Amino acid sequence: MPKHPLRAGDQILVLPKVDAKIMQSIKDVTQIIYQIAIAANVAT
């Protein structure tokens, strides 16, 4: 039994299923952008 049962007016969020390869690609690109930003900040 859930801690907080559903009540009238509650909203349920169902996230779409995302392929693991897509998530890995997004993670990799985000990490590269972060590293570039850090390097650019150090260079200034």
C-alpha atoms as a PDB file:
ATOM      1  CA  MET A   1       0.000   0.000   0.000  1.00  0.00           C
ATOM      2  CA  PRO A   2       1.476   3.392  -0.969  1.00  0.00           C
ATOM      3  CA  LYS A   3       2.198   5.932   1.756  1.00  0.00           C
ATOM      4  CA  HIS A   4       0.032   8.532   0.062  1.00  0.00           C
ATOM      5  CA  PRO A   5      -2.949   7.024  -1.745  1.00  0.00           C
ATOM      6  CA  LEU A   6      -4.246   8.739  -4.862  1.00  0.00           C
ATOM      7  CA  ARG A   7      -7.066  11.172  -4.341  1.00  0.00           C
ATOM      8  CA  ALA A   8      -9.408  13.072  -6.628  1.00  0.00           C
ATOM      9  CA  GLY A   9      -7.528  15.881  -8.363  1.00  0.00           C
ATOM     10  CA  ASP A  10      -4.107  14.204  -8.093  1.00  0.00           C
ATOM     11  CA  GLN A  11      -1.986  14.261 -11.224  1.00  0.00           C
ATOM     12  CA  ILE A  12       0.105  11.311 -12.358  1.00  0.00           C
ATOM     13  CA  LEU A  13       3.240  11.953 -14.404  1.00  0.00           C
ATOM     14  CA  VAL A  14       4.216   9.124 -16.769  1.00  0.00           C
ATOM     15  CA  LEU A  15       7.610   9.695 -18.350  1.00  0.00           C
ATOM     16  CA  PRO A  16       8.250   8.296 -21.812  1.00  0.00           C
ATOM     17  CA  LYS A  17      10.535   5.292 -22.075  1.00  0.00           C
ATOM     18  CA  VAL A  18      13.931   6.484 -23.288  1.00  0.00           C
ATOM     19  CA  ASP A  19      16.465   4.228 -24.951  1.00  0.00           C
ATOM     20  CA  ALA A  20      19.609   3.714 -22.851  1.00  0.00           C
ATOM     21  CA  LYS A  21      21.823   4.629 -25.828  1.00  0.00           C
ATOM     22  CA  ILE A  22      20.111   8.009 -26.157  1.00  0.00           C
ATOM     23  CA  MET A  23      20.555   8.685 -22.446  1.00  0.00           C
ATOM     24  CA  GLN A  24      24.243   7.775 -22.660  1.00  0.00           C
ATOM     25  CA  SER A  25      24.691  10.103 -25.650  1.00  0.00           C
ATOM     26  CA  ILE A  26      22.998  12.966 -23.797  1.00  0.00           C
ATOM     27  CA  LYS A  27      25.207  12.323 -20.764  1.00  0.00           C
ATOM     28  CA  ASP A  28      28.349  12.318 -22.908  1.00  0.00           C
ATOM     29  CA  VAL A  29      27.458  15.547 -24.723  1.00  0.00           C
ATOM     30  CA  THR A  30      26.535  17.265 -21.465  1.00  0.00           C
ATOM     31  CA  GLN A  31      29.839  16.217 -19.915  1.00  0.00           C
ATOM     32  CA  ILE A  32      31.799  17.560 -22.905  1.00  0.00           C
ATOM     33  CA  ILE A  33      29.970  20.904 -22.756  1.00  0.00           C
ATOM     34  CA  TYR A  34      30.618  21.099 -19.009  1.00  0.00           C
ATOM     35  CA  GLN A  35      34.326  20.390 -19.480  1.00  0.00           C
ATOM     36  CA  ILE A  36      34.592  23.056 -22.196  1.00  0.00           C
ATOM     37  CA  ALA A  37      32.857  25.564 -19.927  1.00  0.00           C
ATOM     38  CA  ILE A  38      35.223  24.763 -17.053  1.00  0.00           C
ATOM     39  CA  ALA A  39      38.276  25.026 -19.322  1.00  0.00           C
ATOM     40  CA  ALA A  40      37.073  28.345 -20.751  1.00  0.00           C
ATOM     41  CA  ASN A  41      36.517  29.723 -17.251  1.00  0.00           C
ATOM     42  CA  VAL A  42      40.010  28.690 -16.172  1.00  0.00           C
ATOM     43  CA  ALA A  43      41.559  30.260 -19.276  1.00  0.00           C
ATOM     44  CA  THR A  44      40.044  33.700 -18.582  1.00  0.00           C
END
